[in-house]
PDB file of all heavy atoms in Angstrom:
ATOM      1  N   SER A   1       5.385  75.125  74.192  1.00  0.00           N
ATOM      2  CA  SER A   1       6.785  74.894  73.849  1.00  0.00           C
ATOM      3  C   SER A   1       6.883  73.601  73.060  1.00  0.00           C
ATOM      4  O   SER A   1       6.463  72.532  73.538  1.00  0.00           O
ATOM      5  CB  SER A   1       7.651  74.810  75.107  1.00  0.00           C
ATOM      6  OG  SER A   1       8.934  74.315  74.800  1.00  0.00           O
ATOM      7  N   LEU A   2       7.459  73.676  71.848  1.00  0.00           N
ATOM      8  CA  LEU A   2       7.613  72.475  71.042  1.00  0.00           C
ATOM      9  C   LEU A   2       8.541  71.473  71.716  1.00  0.00           C
ATOM     10  O   LEU A   2       8.310  70.259  71.667  1.00  0.00           O
ATOM     11  CB  LEU A   2       8.156  72.857  69.645  1.00  0.00           C
ATOM     12  CG  LEU A   2       7.120  73.011  68.534  1.00  0.00           C
ATOM     13  CD1 LEU A   2       7.786  73.541  67.261  1.00  0.00           C
ATOM     14  CD2 LEU A   2       6.441  71.678  68.231  1.00  0.00           C
ATOM     15  N   TRP A   3       9.608  71.971  72.295  1.00  0.00           N
ATOM     16  CA  TRP A   3      10.541  71.071  72.984  1.00  0.00           C
ATOM     17  C   TRP A   3       9.864  70.338  74.143  1.00  0.00           C
ATOM     18  O   TRP A   3      10.123  69.161  74.391  1.00  0.00           O
ATOM     19  CB  TRP A   3      11.753  71.849  73.490  1.00  0.00           C
ATOM     20  CG  TRP A   3      12.727  72.200  72.403  1.00  0.00           C
ATOM     21  CD1 TRP A   3      13.010  73.433  71.933  1.00  0.00           C
ATOM     22  CD2 TRP A   3      13.534  71.288  71.663  1.00  0.00           C
ATOM     23  NE1 TRP A   3      13.950  73.370  70.929  1.00  0.00           N
ATOM     24  CE2 TRP A   3      14.298  72.052  70.746  1.00  0.00           C
ATOM     25  CE3 TRP A   3      13.696  69.900  71.683  1.00  0.00           C
ATOM     26  CZ2 TRP A   3      15.196  71.477  69.859  1.00  0.00           C
ATOM     27  CZ3 TRP A   3      14.600  69.322  70.808  1.00  0.00           C
ATOM     28  CH2 TRP A   3      15.329  70.102  69.893  1.00  0.00           C
ATOM     29  N   LYS A   4       8.988  71.053  74.827  1.00  0.00           N
ATOM     30  CA  LYS A   4       8.271  70.440  75.941  1.00  0.00           C
ATOM     31  C   LYS A   4       7.303  69.364  75.438  1.00  0.00           C
ATOM     32  O   LYS A   4       7.150  68.295  76.036  1.00  0.00           O
ATOM     33  CB  LYS A   4       7.513  71.519  76.713  1.00  0.00           C
ATOM     34  CG  LYS A   4       7.186  71.119  78.147  1.00  0.00           C
ATOM     35  CD  LYS A   4       6.719  72.344  78.942  1.00  0.00           C
ATOM     36  CE  LYS A   4       6.584  71.989  80.416  1.00  0.00           C
ATOM     37  NZ  LYS A   4       6.174  73.153  81.224  1.00  0.00           N
ATOM     38  N   CYS A   5       6.663  69.677  74.277  1.00  0.00           N
ATOM     39  CA  CYS A   5       5.756  68.696  73.686  1.00  0.00           C
ATOM     40  C   CYS A   5       6.513  67.452  73.234  1.00  0.00           C
ATOM     41  O   CYS A   5       5.996  66.319  73.299  1.00  0.00           O
ATOM     42  CB  CYS A   5       4.995  69.314  72.517  1.00  0.00           C
ATOM     43  SG  CYS A   5       3.718  70.496  73.049  1.00  0.00           S
ATOM     44  N   ILE A   6       7.740  67.633  72.716  1.00  0.00           N
ATOM     45  CA  ILE A   6       8.570  66.485  72.343  1.00  0.00           C
ATOM     46  C   ILE A   6       8.885  65.648  73.585  1.00  0.00           C
ATOM     47  O   ILE A   6       8.855  64.404  73.554  1.00  0.00           O
ATOM     48  CB  ILE A   6       9.859  66.965  71.655  1.00  0.00           C
ATOM     49  CG1 ILE A   6       9.533  67.584  70.276  1.00  0.00           C
ATOM     50  CG2 ILE A   6      10.867  65.822  71.487  1.00  0.00           C
ATOM     51  CD1 ILE A   6      10.701  68.251  69.600  1.00  0.00           C
ATOM     52  N   LYS A   7       9.168  66.341  74.671  1.00  0.00           N
ATOM     53  CA  LYS A   7       9.443  65.630  75.930  1.00  0.00           C
ATOM     54  C   LYS A   7       8.206  64.849  76.383  1.00  0.00           C
ATOM     55  O   LYS A   7       8.310  63.688  76.814  1.00  0.00           O
ATOM     56  CB  LYS A   7       9.863  66.640  77.000  1.00  0.00           C
ATOM     57  CG  LYS A   7      10.144  66.016  78.358  1.00  0.00           C
ATOM     58  CD  LYS A   7      11.302  65.029  78.296  1.00  0.00           C
ATOM     59  CE  LYS A   7      11.614  64.482  79.681  1.00  0.00           C
ATOM     60  NZ  LYS A   7      12.693  63.467  79.628  1.00  0.00           N
ATOM     61  N   PHE A   8       7.028  65.476  76.241  1.00  0.00           N
ATOM     62  CA  PHE A   8       5.794  64.802  76.629  1.00  0.00           C
ATOM     63  C   PHE A   8       5.552  63.568  75.744  1.00  0.00           C
ATOM     64  O   PHE A   8       5.076  62.533  76.221  1.00  0.00           O
ATOM     65  CB  PHE A   8       4.603  65.750  76.522  1.00  0.00           C
ATOM     66  CG  PHE A   8       4.600  66.825  77.590  1.00  0.00           C
ATOM     67  CD1 PHE A   8       3.851  67.980  77.437  1.00  0.00           C
ATOM     68  CD2 PHE A   8       5.332  66.675  78.758  1.00  0.00           C
ATOM     69  CE1 PHE A   8       3.823  68.956  78.397  1.00  0.00           C
ATOM     70  CE2 PHE A   8       5.322  67.668  79.744  1.00  0.00           C
ATOM     71  CZ  PHE A   8       4.574  68.809  79.559  1.00  0.00           C
ATOM     72  N   ALA A   9       5.858  63.674  74.431  1.00  0.00           N
ATOM     73  CA  ALA A   9       5.712  62.514  73.551  1.00  0.00           C
ATOM     74  C   ALA A   9       6.660  61.403  73.973  1.00  0.00           C
ATOM     75  O   ALA A   9       6.325  60.204  73.906  1.00  0.00           O
ATOM     76  CB  ALA A   9       5.967  62.927  72.106  1.00  0.00           C
ATOM     77  N   ASP A  10       7.857  61.773  74.444  1.00  0.00           N
ATOM     78  CA  ASP A  10       8.831  60.793  74.910  1.00  0.00           C
ATOM     79  C   ASP A  10       8.329  60.101  76.186  1.00  0.00           C
ATOM     80  O   ASP A  10       8.489  58.884  76.354  1.00  0.00           O
ATOM     81  CB  ASP A  10      10.162  61.489  75.156  1.00  0.00           C
ATOM     82  CG  ASP A  10      11.297  60.496  75.356  1.00  0.00           C
ATOM     83  OD1 ASP A  10      11.395  59.562  74.530  1.00  0.00           O
ATOM     84  OD2 ASP A  10      12.065  60.658  76.312  1.00  0.00           O
ATOM     85  N   ILE A  11       7.696  60.898  77.049  1.00  0.00           N
ATOM     86  CA  ILE A  11       7.117  60.327  78.276  1.00  0.00           C
ATOM     87  C   ILE A  11       5.999  59.340  77.914  1.00  0.00           C
ATOM     88  O   ILE A  11       5.889  58.245  78.490  1.00  0.00           O
ATOM     89  CB  ILE A  11       6.594  61.447  79.190  1.00  0.00           C
ATOM     90  CG1 ILE A  11       7.791  62.260  79.751  1.00  0.00           C
ATOM     91  CG2 ILE A  11       5.742  60.886  80.329  1.00  0.00           C
ATOM     92  CD1 ILE A  11       7.387  63.507  80.491  1.00  0.00           C
ATOM     93  N   ALA A  12       5.168  59.744  76.928  1.00  0.00           N
ATOM     94  CA  ALA A  12       4.088  58.849  76.491  1.00  0.00           C
ATOM     95  C   ALA A  12       4.652  57.579  75.888  1.00  0.00           C
ATOM     96  O   ALA A  12       4.078  56.490  76.023  1.00  0.00           O
ATOM     97  CB  ALA A  12       3.195  59.580  75.483  1.00  0.00           C
ATOM     98  N   LEU A  13       5.828  57.686  75.191  1.00  0.00           N
ATOM     99  CA  LEU A  13       6.470  56.513  74.611  1.00  0.00           C
ATOM    100  C   LEU A  13       6.863  55.534  75.712  1.00  0.00           C
ATOM    101  O   LEU A  13       6.633  54.317  75.599  1.00  0.00           O
ATOM    102  CB  LEU A  13       7.701  56.944  73.797  1.00  0.00           C
ATOM    103  CG  LEU A  13       8.621  55.808  73.327  1.00  0.00           C
ATOM    104  CD1 LEU A  13       7.879  54.873  72.365  1.00  0.00           C
ATOM    105  CD2 LEU A  13       9.862  56.383  72.645  1.00  0.00           C
ATOM    106  N   TYR A  14       7.481  56.040  76.768  1.00  0.00           N
ATOM    107  CA  TYR A  14       7.887  55.150  77.854  1.00  0.00           C
ATOM    108  C   TYR A  14       6.678  54.551  78.564  1.00  0.00           C
ATOM    109  O   TYR A  14       6.712  53.430  79.065  1.00  0.00           O
ATOM    110  CB  TYR A  14       8.781  55.910  78.840  1.00  0.00           C
ATOM    111  CG  TYR A  14      10.197  56.008  78.333  1.00  0.00           C
ATOM    112  CD1 TYR A  14      10.653  57.141  77.680  1.00  0.00           C
ATOM    113  CD2 TYR A  14      11.080  54.929  78.484  1.00  0.00           C
ATOM    114  CE1 TYR A  14      11.948  57.224  77.196  1.00  0.00           C
ATOM    115  CE2 TYR A  14      12.373  55.005  78.006  1.00  0.00           C
ATOM    116  CZ  TYR A  14      12.800  56.155  77.360  1.00  0.00           C
ATOM    117  OH  TYR A  14      14.078  56.203  76.884  1.00  0.00           O
ATOM    118  N   ASN A  15       5.568  55.318  78.548  1.00  0.00           N
ATOM    119  CA  ASN A  15       4.335  54.790  79.115  1.00  0.00           C
ATOM    120  C   ASN A  15       3.839  53.619  78.265  1.00  0.00           C
ATOM    121  O   ASN A  15       3.336  52.608  78.796  1.00  0.00           O
ATOM    122  CB  ASN A  15       3.274  55.894  79.177  1.00  0.00           C
ATOM    123  CG  ASN A  15       2.013  55.442  79.865  1.00  0.00           C
ATOM    124  OD1 ASN A  15       1.079  54.959  79.227  1.00  0.00           O
ATOM    125  ND2 ASN A  15       1.964  55.594  81.203  1.00  0.00           N
ATOM    126  N   ALA A  16       3.998  53.751  76.947  1.00  0.00           N
ATOM    127  CA  ALA A  16       3.613  52.649  76.058  1.00  0.00           C
ATOM    128  C   ALA A  16       4.498  51.441  76.291  1.00  0.00           C
ATOM    129  O   ALA A  16       4.041  50.279  76.229  1.00  0.00           O
ATOM    130  CB  ALA A  16       3.712  53.109  74.602  1.00  0.00           C
ATOM    131  N   LYS A  17       5.802  51.656  76.535  1.00  0.00           N
ATOM    132  CA  LYS A  17       6.712  50.542  76.837  1.00  0.00           C
ATOM    133  C   LYS A  17       6.283  49.821  78.112  1.00  0.00           C
ATOM    134  O   LYS A  17       6.282  48.586  78.180  1.00  0.00           O
ATOM    135  CB  LYS A  17       8.147  51.083  76.991  1.00  0.00           C
ATOM    136  CG  LYS A  17       8.758  51.695  75.745  1.00  0.00           C
ATOM    137  CD  LYS A  17       9.224  50.638  74.777  1.00  0.00           C
ATOM    138  CE  LYS A  17      10.040  51.264  73.640  1.00  0.00           C
ATOM    139  NZ  LYS A  17      10.453  50.248  72.665  1.00  0.00           N
ATOM    140  N   ASP A  18       5.929  50.641  79.104  1.00  0.00           N
ATOM    141  CA  ASP A  18       5.534  50.061  80.393  1.00  0.00           C
ATOM    142  C   ASP A  18       4.190  49.346  80.295  1.00  0.00           C
ATOM    143  O   ASP A  18       3.858  48.507  81.150  1.00  0.00           O
ATOM    144  CB  ASP A  18       5.450  51.152  81.461  1.00  0.00           C
ATOM    145  CG  ASP A  18       6.826  51.737  81.778  1.00  0.00           C
ATOM    146  OD1 ASP A  18       7.829  51.065  81.478  1.00  0.00           O
ATOM    147  OD2 ASP A  18       6.894  52.895  82.263  1.00  0.00           O
ATOM    148  N   SER A  19       3.406  49.708  79.253  1.00  0.00           N
ATOM    149  CA  SER A  19       2.075  49.104  79.109  1.00  0.00           C
ATOM    150  C   SER A  19       2.100  47.844  78.256  1.00  0.00           C
ATOM    151  O   SER A  19       1.058  47.380  77.794  1.00  0.00           O
ATOM    152  CB  SER A  19       1.119  50.123  78.493  1.00  0.00           C
ATOM    153  OG  SER A  19       1.016  51.277  79.301  1.00  0.00           O
ATOM    154  N   GLY A  20       3.266  47.334  77.968  1.00  0.00           N
ATOM    155  CA  GLY A  20       3.345  46.084  77.221  1.00  0.00           C
ATOM    156  C   GLY A  20       3.883  46.220  75.815  1.00  0.00           C
ATOM    157  O   GLY A  20       3.957  45.235  75.067  1.00  0.00           O
ATOM    158  N   ARG A  21       4.256  47.447  75.397  1.00  0.00           N
ATOM    159  CA  ARG A  21       4.828  47.685  74.062  1.00  0.00           C
ATOM    160  C   ARG A  21       3.816  47.410  72.952  1.00  0.00           C
ATOM    161  O   ARG A  21       2.686  47.022  73.197  1.00  0.00           O
ATOM    162  CB  ARG A  21       6.106  46.873  73.850  1.00  0.00           C
ATOM    163  CG  ARG A  21       7.249  47.276  74.779  1.00  0.00           C
ATOM    164  CD  ARG A  21       8.499  46.439  74.501  1.00  0.00           C
ATOM    165  NE  ARG A  21       9.648  46.971  75.235  1.00  0.00           N
ATOM    166  CZ  ARG A  21       9.906  46.725  76.527  1.00  0.00           C
ATOM    167  NH1 ARG A  21       9.098  45.939  77.210  1.00  0.00           N
ATOM    168  NH2 ARG A  21      10.963  47.256  77.108  1.00  0.00           N
ATOM    169  N   ASN A  22       4.277  47.686  71.681  1.00  0.00           N
ATOM    170  CA  ASN A  22       3.450  47.498  70.468  1.00  0.00           C
ATOM    171  C   ASN A  22       2.094  48.186  70.614  1.00  0.00           C
ATOM    172  O   ASN A  22       1.047  47.612  70.327  1.00  0.00           O
ATOM    173  CB  ASN A  22       3.270  46.015  70.177  1.00  0.00           C
ATOM    174  CG  ASN A  22       2.715  45.796  68.760  1.00  0.00           C
ATOM    175  OD1 ASN A  22       2.875  46.655  67.882  1.00  0.00           O
ATOM    176  ND2 ASN A  22       2.067  44.659  68.537  1.00  0.00           N
ATOM    177  N   CYS A  23       2.162  49.468  71.039  1.00  0.00           N
ATOM    178  CA  CYS A  23       0.927  50.232  71.173  1.00  0.00           C
ATOM    179  C   CYS A  23       1.213  51.707  71.026  1.00  0.00           C
ATOM    180  O   CYS A  23       2.370  52.141  70.977  1.00  0.00           O
ATOM    181  CB  CYS A  23       0.259  49.951  72.528  1.00  0.00           C
ATOM    182  SG  CYS A  23       1.275  50.473  73.943  1.00  0.00           S
ATOM    183  N   VAL A  24       0.130  52.513  70.959  1.00  0.00           N
ATOM    184  CA  VAL A  24       0.247  53.973  70.835  1.00  0.00           C
ATOM    185  C   VAL A  24      -0.349  54.600  72.077  1.00  0.00           C
ATOM    186  O   VAL A  24      -1.482  54.256  72.482  1.00  0.00           O
ATOM    187  CB  VAL A  24      -0.497  54.472  69.577  1.00  0.00           C
ATOM    188  CG1 VAL A  24      -0.437  56.012  69.514  1.00  0.00           C
ATOM    189  CG2 VAL A  24       0.095  53.860  68.319  1.00  0.00           C
ATOM    190  N   LYS A  25       0.378  55.504  72.691  1.00  0.00           N
ATOM    191  CA  LYS A  25      -0.117  56.181  73.884  1.00  0.00           C
ATOM    192  C   LYS A  25      -0.120  57.685  73.638  1.00  0.00           C
ATOM    193  O   LYS A  25       0.872  58.270  73.192  1.00  0.00           O
ATOM    194  CB  LYS A  25       0.769  55.863  75.088  1.00  0.00           C
ATOM    195  CG  LYS A  25       0.628  54.452  75.597  1.00  0.00           C
ATOM    196  CD  LYS A  25      -0.771  54.217  76.198  1.00  0.00           C
ATOM    197  CE  LYS A  25      -0.881  52.795  76.761  1.00  0.00           C
ATOM    198  NZ  LYS A  25      -2.196  52.574  77.391  1.00  0.00           N
ATOM    199  N   ARG A  26      -1.271  58.304  73.918  1.00  0.00           N
ATOM    200  CA  ARG A  26      -1.419  59.771  73.844  1.00  0.00           C
ATOM    201  C   ARG A  26      -1.020  60.346  75.181  1.00  0.00           C
ATOM    202  O   ARG A  26      -1.427  59.853  76.238  1.00  0.00           O
ATOM    203  CB  ARG A  26      -2.879  60.098  73.502  1.00  0.00           C
ATOM    204  CG  ARG A  26      -3.289  61.554  73.717  1.00  0.00           C
ATOM    205  CD  ARG A  26      -2.749  62.441  72.582  1.00  0.00           C
ATOM    206  NE  ARG A  26      -3.323  63.780  72.672  1.00  0.00           N
ATOM    207  CZ  ARG A  26      -2.866  64.770  73.444  1.00  0.00           C
ATOM    208  NH1 ARG A  26      -1.793  64.580  74.227  1.00  0.00           N
ATOM    209  NH2 ARG A  26      -3.443  65.950  73.446  1.00  0.00           N
ATOM    210  N   PHE A  27      -0.214  61.389  75.172  1.00  0.00           N
ATOM    211  CA  PHE A  27       0.256  61.982  76.420  1.00  0.00           C
ATOM    212  C   PHE A  27      -0.932  62.488  77.218  1.00  0.00           C
ATOM    213  O   PHE A  27      -1.861  63.091  76.672  1.00  0.00           O
ATOM    214  CB  PHE A  27       1.238  63.129  76.135  1.00  0.00           C
ATOM    215  CG  PHE A  27       1.611  63.904  77.363  1.00  0.00           C
ATOM    216  CD1 PHE A  27       2.520  63.371  78.280  1.00  0.00           C
ATOM    217  CD2 PHE A  27       1.027  65.144  77.636  1.00  0.00           C
ATOM    218  CE1 PHE A  27       2.847  64.078  79.431  1.00  0.00           C
ATOM    219  CE2 PHE A  27       1.368  65.844  78.770  1.00  0.00           C
ATOM    220  CZ  PHE A  27       2.281  65.330  79.677  1.00  0.00           C
ATOM    221  N   ASP A  28      -0.817  62.245  78.547  1.00  0.00           N
ATOM    222  CA  ASP A  28      -1.817  62.754  79.480  1.00  0.00           C
ATOM    223  C   ASP A  28      -1.086  63.347  80.665  1.00  0.00           C
ATOM    224  O   ASP A  28      -0.019  62.861  81.066  1.00  0.00           O
ATOM    225  CB  ASP A  28      -2.756  61.610  79.918  1.00  0.00           C
ATOM    226  CG  ASP A  28      -3.900  62.122  80.788  1.00  0.00           C
ATOM    227  OD1 ASP A  28      -4.902  62.596  80.195  1.00  0.00           O
ATOM    228  OD2 ASP A  28      -3.755  62.067  82.017  1.00  0.00           O
ATOM    229  N   ALA A  29      -1.635  64.396  81.246  1.00  0.00           N
ATOM    230  CA  ALA A  29      -0.974  65.081  82.355  1.00  0.00           C
ATOM    231  C   ALA A  29      -0.740  64.161  83.548  1.00  0.00           C
ATOM    232  O   ALA A  29       0.160  64.392  84.360  1.00  0.00           O
ATOM    233  CB  ALA A  29      -1.809  66.287  82.780  1.00  0.00           C
ATOM    234  N   SER A  30      -1.547  63.104  83.613  1.00  0.00           N
ATOM    235  CA  SER A  30      -1.402  62.175  84.737  1.00  0.00           C
ATOM    236  C   SER A  30      -0.127  61.353  84.658  1.00  0.00           C
ATOM    237  O   SER A  30       0.265  60.705  85.621  1.00  0.00           O
ATOM    238  CB  SER A  30      -2.618  61.238  84.786  1.00  0.00           C
ATOM    239  OG  SER A  30      -2.679  60.467  83.594  1.00  0.00           O
ATOM    240  N   MET A  31       0.529  61.402  83.476  1.00  0.00           N
ATOM    241  CA  MET A  31       1.757  60.628  83.317  1.00  0.00           C
ATOM    242  C   MET A  31       2.937  61.244  84.049  1.00  0.00           C
ATOM    243  O   MET A  31       3.974  60.604  84.216  1.00  0.00           O
ATOM    244  CB  MET A  31       2.099  60.487  81.827  1.00  0.00           C
ATOM    245  CG  MET A  31       1.090  59.666  81.045  1.00  0.00           C
ATOM    246  SD  MET A  31       1.547  59.573  79.292  1.00  0.00           S
ATOM    247  CE  MET A  31       0.205  58.604  78.640  1.00  0.00           C
ATOM    248  N   VAL A  32       2.819  62.506  84.440  1.00  0.00           N
ATOM    249  CA  VAL A  32       3.894  63.204  85.154  1.00  0.00           C
ATOM    250  C   VAL A  32       3.300  63.914  86.347  1.00  0.00           C
ATOM    251  O   VAL A  32       2.092  64.232  86.381  1.00  0.00           O
ATOM    252  CB  VAL A  32       4.627  64.200  84.238  1.00  0.00           C
ATOM    253  CG1 VAL A  32       5.351  63.482  83.128  1.00  0.00           C
ATOM    254  CG2 VAL A  32       3.650  65.211  83.665  1.00  0.00           C
ATOM    255  N   ASP A  33       4.114  64.231  87.309  1.00  0.00           N
ATOM    256  CA  ASP A  33       3.613  64.990  88.449  1.00  0.00           C
ATOM    257  C   ASP A  33       3.502  66.455  88.067  1.00  0.00           C
ATOM    258  O   ASP A  33       4.029  66.918  87.067  1.00  0.00           O
ATOM    259  CB  ASP A  33       4.515  64.781  89.669  1.00  0.00           C
ATOM    260  CG  ASP A  33       5.962  65.157  89.390  1.00  0.00           C
ATOM    261  OD1 ASP A  33       6.189  66.096  88.578  1.00  0.00           O
ATOM    262  OD2 ASP A  33       6.880  64.521  89.934  1.00  0.00           O
ATOM    263  N   SER A  34       2.812  67.214  88.886  1.00  0.00           N
ATOM    264  CA  SER A  34       2.529  68.629  88.584  1.00  0.00           C
ATOM    265  C   SER A  34       3.796  69.456  88.495  1.00  0.00           C
ATOM    266  O   SER A  34       3.899  70.400  87.698  1.00  0.00           O
ATOM    267  CB  SER A  34       1.582  69.214  89.643  1.00  0.00           C
ATOM    268  OG  SER A  34       2.170  69.107  90.940  1.00  0.00           O
ATOM    269  N   GLN A  35       4.789  69.137  89.291  1.00  0.00           N
ATOM    270  CA  GLN A  35       6.038  69.902  89.270  1.00  0.00           C
ATOM    271  C   GLN A  35       6.763  69.704  87.943  1.00  0.00           C
ATOM    272  O   GLN A  35       7.268  70.647  87.335  1.00  0.00           O
ATOM    273  CB  GLN A  35       6.931  69.452  90.444  1.00  0.00           C
ATOM    274  CG  GLN A  35       8.203  70.286  90.603  1.00  0.00           C
ATOM    275  CD  GLN A  35       7.899  71.725  90.992  1.00  0.00           C
ATOM    276  OE1 GLN A  35       6.902  72.006  91.681  1.00  0.00           O
ATOM    277  NE2 GLN A  35       8.728  72.648  90.536  1.00  0.00           N
ATOM    278  N   GLU A  36       6.798  68.481  87.442  1.00  0.00           N
ATOM    279  CA  GLU A  36       7.460  68.198  86.164  1.00  0.00           C
ATOM    280  C   GLU A  36       6.687  68.812  85.004  1.00  0.00           C
ATOM    281  O   GLU A  36       7.266  69.239  84.006  1.00  0.00           O
ATOM    282  CB  GLU A  36       7.577  66.679  85.977  1.00  0.00           C
ATOM    283  CG  GLU A  36       8.434  66.285  84.786  1.00  0.00           C
ATOM    284  CD  GLU A  36       8.614  64.785  84.699  1.00  0.00           C
ATOM    285  OE1 GLU A  36       8.021  64.061  85.506  1.00  0.00           O
ATOM    286  OE2 GLU A  36       9.366  64.358  83.790  1.00  0.00           O
ATOM    287  N   LEU A  37       5.368  68.881  85.144  1.00  0.00           N
ATOM    288  CA  LEU A  37       4.538  69.473  84.100  1.00  0.00           C
ATOM    289  C   LEU A  37       4.836  70.949  83.919  1.00  0.00           C
ATOM    290  O   LEU A  37       4.766  71.495  82.820  1.00  0.00           O
ATOM    291  CB  LEU A  37       3.054  69.257  84.456  1.00  0.00           C
ATOM    292  CG  LEU A  37       2.038  69.580  83.359  1.00  0.00           C
ATOM    293  CD1 LEU A  37       2.247  68.639  82.173  1.00  0.00           C
ATOM    294  CD2 LEU A  37       0.603  69.449  83.899  1.00  0.00           C
ATOM    295  N   LYS A  38       5.179  71.599  85.022  1.00  0.00           N
ATOM    296  CA  LYS A  38       5.424  73.042  84.976  1.00  0.00           C
ATOM    297  C   LYS A  38       6.875  73.374  84.637  1.00  0.00           C
ATOM    298  O   LYS A  38       7.194  74.524  84.320  1.00  0.00           O
ATOM    299  CB  LYS A  38       5.091  73.666  86.338  1.00  0.00           C
ATOM    300  CG  LYS A  38       3.601  73.581  86.683  1.00  0.00           C
ATOM    301  CD  LYS A  38       3.351  74.168  88.060  1.00  0.00           C
ATOM    302  CE  LYS A  38       1.863  74.065  88.449  1.00  0.00           C
ATOM    303  NZ  LYS A  38       1.612  74.581  89.812  1.00  0.00           N
ATOM    304  N   SER A  39       7.768  72.441  84.708  1.00  0.00           N
ATOM    305  CA  SER A  39       9.190  72.733  84.498  1.00  0.00           C
ATOM    306  C   SER A  39       9.464  73.047  83.027  1.00  0.00           C
ATOM    307  O   SER A  39       8.740  72.622  82.125  1.00  0.00           O
ATOM    308  CB  SER A  39      10.036  71.533  84.952  1.00  0.00           C
ATOM    309  OG  SER A  39       9.743  70.415  84.152  1.00  0.00           O
ATOM    310  N   ASP A  40      10.560  73.796  82.811  1.00  0.00           N
ATOM    311  CA  ASP A  40      10.966  74.151  81.451  1.00  0.00           C
ATOM    312  C   ASP A  40      11.924  73.100  80.901  1.00  0.00           C
ATOM    313  O   ASP A  40      12.676  72.463  81.638  1.00  0.00           O
ATOM    314  CB  ASP A  40      11.669  75.513  81.427  1.00  0.00           C
ATOM    315  CG  ASP A  40      10.697  76.630  81.805  1.00  0.00           C
ATOM    316  OD1 ASP A  40       9.491  76.462  81.523  1.00  0.00           O
ATOM    317  OD2 ASP A  40      11.144  77.633  82.394  1.00  0.00           O
ATOM    318  N   PHE A  41      11.901  72.958  79.545  1.00  0.00           N
ATOM    319  CA  PHE A  41      12.806  72.018  78.884  1.00  0.00           C
ATOM    320  C   PHE A  41      13.655  72.765  77.893  1.00  0.00           C
ATOM    321  O   PHE A  41      13.182  73.698  77.274  1.00  0.00           O
ATOM    322  CB  PHE A  41      11.996  70.920  78.179  1.00  0.00           C
ATOM    323  CG  PHE A  41      11.274  70.010  79.159  1.00  0.00           C
ATOM    324  CD1 PHE A  41       9.999  70.310  79.598  1.00  0.00           C
ATOM    325  CD2 PHE A  41      11.910  68.874  79.633  1.00  0.00           C
ATOM    326  CE1 PHE A  41       9.354  69.464  80.483  1.00  0.00           C
ATOM    327  CE2 PHE A  41      11.247  68.032  80.503  1.00  0.00           C
ATOM    328  CZ  PHE A  41       9.959  68.326  80.953  1.00  0.00           C
TER     329      PHE A  41
END
């Protein structure tokens, strides 16, 4: 799902913010719990 991938990129963005900003973060499944990974967007 493209929309889901956009959501995952947004999650990775917030992960980059939490990691000190001014960086690039690739989405990883560990960034969300299993229930959120399976949910629809």
